[in-house]
Amino acid sequence: MTFTNNTPAMDRHFRYGNSAVICEGASMRAVCRQLATVVTVKGDIDSNNIDQIASYVNRFILAEKPLTLDLSSVNSFAPQAISLFYDIDEKCGELGVDWSVVASQPVVTEIRRQEVGVPLSSSVPEALHHFAEGNTARRRLLPLLIKSA
């Protein structure tokens, strides 16, 4: 197992905040946005790095903050990596937060092959828009819940 905080060549442009974490063929980066936390994983997800990726993603599942897992740049996705979605769903369910996955073709293929129910979005902006709509709906209900008869 190798953890490195160096940014790979394809991510060399300057960024504020967290640098990429490299782990056995995958790079991971998390960005906390106003609407949600976005965790991006690039490269290959396999049995060599799935535990480290799951641990990294779980660090960023926060109460009252939806999670978007951006796997749009994943090149290969091992069958056992589906456990990542079960872990996320369990933790998000405990905290009562929404989550969404932006998936590359190898990820979508494995999700369909194993018939796993995963909340998919076509892009990070679409996922953030979905979370914004949910916030708006909750804000509309808040005055109704506060008023007493």
C-alpha atoms as a PDB file:
ATOM      1  CA  MET A   1       0.000   0.000   0.000  1.00  0.00           C
ATOM      2  CA  THR A   2       1.428   3.344  -1.035  1.00  0.00           C
ATOM      3  CA  PHE A   3       0.028   6.715  -0.025  1.00  0.00           C
ATOM      4  CA  THR A   4       1.559   9.789  -1.598  1.00  0.00           C
ATOM      5  CA  ASN A   5       0.467  13.399  -1.461  1.00  0.00           C
ATOM      6  CA  ASN A   6       1.988  14.241  -4.827  1.00  0.00           C
ATOM      7  CA  THR A   7      -0.272  15.395  -7.582  1.00  0.00           C
ATOM      8  CA  PRO A   8      -0.086  13.215 -10.712  1.00  0.00           C
ATOM      9  CA  ALA A   9       1.070  14.712 -14.003  1.00  0.00           C
ATOM     10  CA  MET A  10      -2.487  15.047 -15.320  1.00  0.00           C
ATOM     11  CA  ASP A  11      -3.459  17.116 -12.230  1.00  0.00           C
ATOM     12  CA  ARG A  12      -0.425  19.421 -12.201  1.00  0.00           C
ATOM     13  CA  HIS A  13      -2.337  22.702 -12.584  1.00  0.00           C
ATOM     14  CA  PHE A  14      -2.530  24.809  -9.430  1.00  0.00           C
ATOM     15  CA  ARG A  15      -5.408  24.203  -7.016  1.00  0.00           C
ATOM     16  CA  TYR A  16      -6.254  25.628  -3.652  1.00  0.00           C
ATOM     17  CA  GLY A  17      -7.030  23.263  -0.783  1.00  0.00           C
ATOM     18  CA  ASN A  18      -6.352  19.576  -0.545  1.00  0.00           C
ATOM     19  CA  SER A  19      -3.794  18.067  -2.864  1.00  0.00           C
ATOM     20  CA  ALA A  20      -4.519  14.753  -4.522  1.00  0.00           C
ATOM     21  CA  VAL A  21      -3.892  11.590  -2.530  1.00  0.00           C
ATOM     22  CA  ILE A  22      -2.372   8.831  -4.654  1.00  0.00           C
ATOM     23  CA  CYS A  23      -3.135   5.246  -3.670  1.00  0.00           C
ATOM     24  CA  GLU A  24      -2.208   2.137  -5.667  1.00  0.00           C
ATOM     25  CA  GLY A  25      -3.234   3.416  -9.116  1.00  0.00           C
ATOM     26  CA  ALA A  26      -5.941   5.850  -8.060  1.00  0.00           C
ATOM     27  CA  SER A  27      -5.859   9.517  -7.145  1.00  0.00           C
ATOM     28  CA  MET A  28      -8.427  11.030  -4.802  1.00  0.00           C
ATOM     29  CA  ARG A  29      -9.356  14.612  -4.049  1.00  0.00           C
ATOM     30  CA  ALA A  30     -12.139  16.092  -1.914  1.00  0.00           C
ATOM     31  CA  VAL A  31     -13.675  19.543  -2.228  1.00  0.00           C
ATOM     32  CA  CYS A  32     -16.242  20.849   0.212  1.00  0.00           C
ATOM     33  CA  ARG A  33     -18.710  23.015  -1.700  1.00  0.00           C
ATOM     34  CA  GLN A  34     -21.666  24.967  -0.407  1.00  0.00           C
ATOM     35  CA  LEU A  35     -24.214  22.418  -1.609  1.00  0.00           C
ATOM     36  CA  ALA A  36     -22.262  19.191  -1.117  1.00  0.00           C
ATOM     37  CA  THR A  37     -18.912  17.562  -0.588  1.00  0.00           C
ATOM     38  CA  VAL A  38     -17.466  16.315  -3.870  1.00  0.00           C
ATOM     39  CA  VAL A  39     -14.983  13.442  -3.677  1.00  0.00           C
ATOM     40  CA  THR A  40     -13.277  12.718  -7.000  1.00  0.00           C
ATOM     41  CA  VAL A  41     -11.514   9.435  -7.697  1.00  0.00           C
ATOM     42  CA  LYS A  42      -9.478   8.945 -10.881  1.00  0.00           C
ATOM     43  CA  GLY A  43      -7.617   5.919 -12.212  1.00  0.00           C
ATOM     44  CA  ASP A  44      -8.243   2.275 -11.361  1.00  0.00           C
ATOM     45  CA  ILE A  45     -10.336   0.963  -8.471  1.00  0.00           C
ATOM     46  CA  ASP A  46      -9.451  -2.614  -7.600  1.00  0.00           C
ATOM     47  CA  SER A  47      -8.826  -4.971  -4.683  1.00  0.00           C
ATOM     48  CA  ASN A  48      -5.463  -3.307  -3.984  1.00  0.00           C
ATOM     49  CA  ASN A  49      -6.924   0.100  -3.158  1.00  0.00           C
ATOM     50  CA  ILE A  50     -10.641  -0.285  -2.405  1.00  0.00           C
ATOM     51  CA  ASP A  51     -10.162  -0.217   1.376  1.00  0.00           C
ATOM     52  CA  GLN A  52      -8.091   2.966   1.228  1.00  0.00           C
ATOM     53  CA  ILE A  53     -10.567   4.621  -1.147  1.00  0.00           C
ATOM     54  CA  ALA A  54     -13.502   3.663   1.103  1.00  0.00           C
ATOM     55  CA  SER A  55     -11.674   5.047   4.139  1.00  0.00           C
ATOM     56  CA  TYR A  56     -10.902   8.296   2.305  1.00  0.00           C
ATOM     57  CA  VAL A  57     -14.487   8.754   1.092  1.00  0.00           C
ATOM     58  CA  ASN A  58     -15.941   7.963   4.536  1.00  0.00           C
ATOM     59  CA  ARG A  59     -13.846  10.760   6.062  1.00  0.00           C
ATOM     60  CA  PHE A  60     -15.835  13.257   4.002  1.00  0.00           C
ATOM     61  CA  ILE A  61     -19.358  12.022   4.738  1.00  0.00           C
ATOM     62  CA  LEU A  62     -20.608  14.778   7.010  1.00  0.00           C
ATOM     63  CA  ALA A  63     -23.912  15.340   8.772  1.00  0.00           C
ATOM     64  CA  GLU A  64     -26.216  17.734   6.909  1.00  0.00           C
ATOM     65  CA  LYS A  65     -23.890  17.825   3.872  1.00  0.00           C
ATOM     66  CA  PRO A  66     -24.777  15.732   0.788  1.00  0.00           C
ATOM     67  CA  LEU A  67     -22.004  13.759  -0.907  1.00  0.00           C
ATOM     68  CA  THR A  68     -21.197  13.491  -4.597  1.00  0.00           C
ATOM     69  CA  LEU A  69     -18.768  10.728  -5.506  1.00  0.00           C
ATOM     70  CA  ASP A  70     -17.250  11.636  -8.874  1.00  0.00           C
ATOM     71  CA  LEU A  71     -16.025   8.458 -10.553  1.00  0.00           C
ATOM     72  CA  SER A  72     -16.257   9.883 -14.078  1.00  0.00           C
ATOM     73  CA  SER A  73     -12.504   9.438 -14.636  1.00  0.00           C
ATOM     74  CA  VAL A  74     -12.260   5.861 -13.359  1.00  0.00           C
ATOM     75  CA  ASN A  75     -10.661   3.609 -15.990  1.00  0.00           C
ATOM     76  CA  SER A  76     -11.411   0.229 -14.409  1.00  0.00           C
ATOM     77  CA  PHE A  77     -13.738  -0.826 -11.618  1.00  0.00           C
ATOM     78  CA  ALA A  78     -13.323  -4.257 -10.014  1.00  0.00           C
ATOM     79  CA  PRO A  79     -16.447  -6.242  -9.061  1.00  0.00           C
ATOM     80  CA  GLN A  80     -15.536  -6.192  -5.346  1.00  0.00           C
ATOM     81  CA  ALA A  81     -15.419  -2.370  -5.482  1.00  0.00           C
ATOM     82  CA  ILE A  82     -19.240  -2.367  -5.394  1.00  0.00           C
ATOM     83  CA  SER A  83     -18.830  -2.676  -1.608  1.00  0.00           C
ATOM     84  CA  LEU A  84     -17.841   1.006  -1.669  1.00  0.00           C
ATOM     85  CA  PHE A  85     -21.434   1.938  -2.522  1.00  0.00           C
ATOM     86  CA  TYR A  86     -22.840  -0.189   0.302  1.00  0.00           C
ATOM     87  CA  ASP A  87     -20.496   1.505   2.791  1.00  0.00           C
ATOM     88  CA  ILE A  88     -21.452   4.979   1.582  1.00  0.00           C
ATOM     89  CA  ASP A  89     -25.158   4.161   1.610  1.00  0.00           C
ATOM     90  CA  GLU A  90     -24.959   2.839   5.157  1.00  0.00           C
ATOM     91  CA  LYS A  91     -23.083   5.835   6.534  1.00  0.00           C
ATOM     92  CA  CYS A  92     -25.198   8.389   4.644  1.00  0.00           C
ATOM     93  CA  GLY A  93     -28.328   6.606   5.845  1.00  0.00           C
ATOM     94  CA  GLU A  94     -27.153   6.810   9.464  1.00  0.00           C
ATOM     95  CA  LEU A  95     -26.528  10.554   9.094  1.00  0.00           C
ATOM     96  CA  GLY A  96     -29.633  11.188   6.993  1.00  0.00           C
ATOM     97  CA  VAL A  97     -27.774  12.766   4.071  1.00  0.00           C
ATOM     98  CA  ASP A  98     -28.275  12.375   0.326  1.00  0.00           C
ATOM     99  CA  TRP A  99     -25.552  11.080  -1.943  1.00  0.00           C
ATOM    100  CA  SER A 100     -24.973  10.651  -5.634  1.00  0.00           C
ATOM    101  CA  VAL A 101     -22.453   9.017  -7.971  1.00  0.00           C
ATOM    102  CA  VAL A 102     -21.162  10.387 -11.257  1.00  0.00           C
ATOM    103  CA  ALA A 103     -19.966   7.219 -12.964  1.00  0.00           C
ATOM    104  CA  SER A 104     -17.714   6.361 -15.882  1.00  0.00           C
ATOM    105  CA  GLN A 105     -18.678   3.575 -18.290  1.00  0.00           C
ATOM    106  CA  PRO A 106     -16.719   0.832 -16.420  1.00  0.00           C
ATOM    107  CA  VAL A 107     -18.493   1.803 -13.173  1.00  0.00           C
ATOM    108  CA  VAL A 108     -21.927   1.857 -14.817  1.00  0.00           C
ATOM    109  CA  THR A 109     -21.249  -1.530 -16.415  1.00  0.00           C
ATOM    110  CA  GLU A 110     -20.425  -3.094 -13.038  1.00  0.00           C
ATOM    111  CA  ILE A 111     -23.430  -1.444 -11.334  1.00  0.00           C
ATOM    112  CA  ARG A 112     -25.734  -2.880 -13.999  1.00  0.00           C
ATOM    113  CA  ARG A 113     -24.040  -6.289 -13.961  1.00  0.00           C
ATOM    114  CA  GLN A 114     -24.532  -6.620 -10.205  1.00  0.00           C
ATOM    115  CA  GLU A 115     -27.947  -4.888 -10.278  1.00  0.00           C
ATOM    116  CA  VAL A 116     -27.069  -2.470  -7.482  1.00  0.00           C
ATOM    117  CA  GLY A 117     -29.310   0.510  -6.748  1.00  0.00           C
ATOM    118  CA  VAL A 118     -27.003   3.518  -6.808  1.00  0.00           C
ATOM    119  CA  PRO A 119     -28.184   7.147  -7.062  1.00  0.00           C
ATOM    120  CA  LEU A 120     -26.565   8.158 -10.363  1.00  0.00           C
ATOM    121  CA  SER A 121     -26.096  11.627 -11.838  1.00  0.00           C
ATOM    122  CA  SER A 122     -24.743  12.403 -15.281  1.00  0.00           C
ATOM    123  CA  SER A 123     -22.398  15.139 -13.994  1.00  0.00           C
ATOM    124  CA  VAL A 124     -21.272  16.905 -10.830  1.00  0.00           C
ATOM    125  CA  PRO A 125     -23.280  20.059 -11.720  1.00  0.00           C
ATOM    126  CA  GLU A 126     -26.411  17.913 -12.168  1.00  0.00           C
ATOM    127  CA  ALA A 127     -25.871  16.293  -8.763  1.00  0.00           C
ATOM    128  CA  LEU A 128     -25.364  19.697  -7.117  1.00  0.00           C
ATOM    129  CA  HIS A 129     -28.511  21.000  -8.826  1.00  0.00           C
ATOM    130  CA  HIS A 130     -30.462  18.024  -7.462  1.00  0.00           C
ATOM    131  CA  PHE A 131     -29.205  18.765  -3.933  1.00  0.00           C
ATOM    132  CA  ALA A 132     -30.118  22.461  -4.350  1.00  0.00           C
ATOM    133  CA  GLU A 133     -33.677  21.509  -5.332  1.00  0.00           C
ATOM    134  CA  GLY A 134     -33.926  19.345  -2.212  1.00  0.00           C
ATOM    135  CA  ASN A 135     -32.772  22.259  -0.038  1.00  0.00           C
ATOM    136  CA  THR A 136     -35.359  24.548  -1.634  1.00  0.00           C
ATOM    137  CA  ALA A 137     -38.137  22.027  -1.005  1.00  0.00           C
ATOM    138  CA  ARG A 138     -37.124  21.693   2.672  1.00  0.00           C
ATOM    139  CA  ARG A 139     -37.061  25.487   3.079  1.00  0.00           C
ATOM    140  CA  ARG A 140     -40.607  25.707   1.747  1.00  0.00           C
ATOM    141  CA  LEU A 141     -41.752  23.182   4.359  1.00  0.00           C
ATOM    142  CA  LEU A 142     -39.941  24.815   7.289  1.00  0.00           C
ATOM    143  CA  PRO A 143     -42.474  27.634   7.895  1.00  0.00           C
ATOM    144  CA  LEU A 144     -45.290  25.075   7.842  1.00  0.00           C
ATOM    145  CA  LEU A 145     -43.539  22.957  10.451  1.00  0.00           C
ATOM    146  CA  ILE A 146     -42.822  25.908  12.767  1.00  0.00           C
ATOM    147  CA  LYS A 147     -46.357  27.376  12.830  1.00  0.00           C
ATOM    148  CA  SER A 148     -48.643  25.957  15.470  1.00  0.00           C
ATOM    149  CA  ALA A 149     -52.408  25.777  15.340  1.00  0.00           C
END
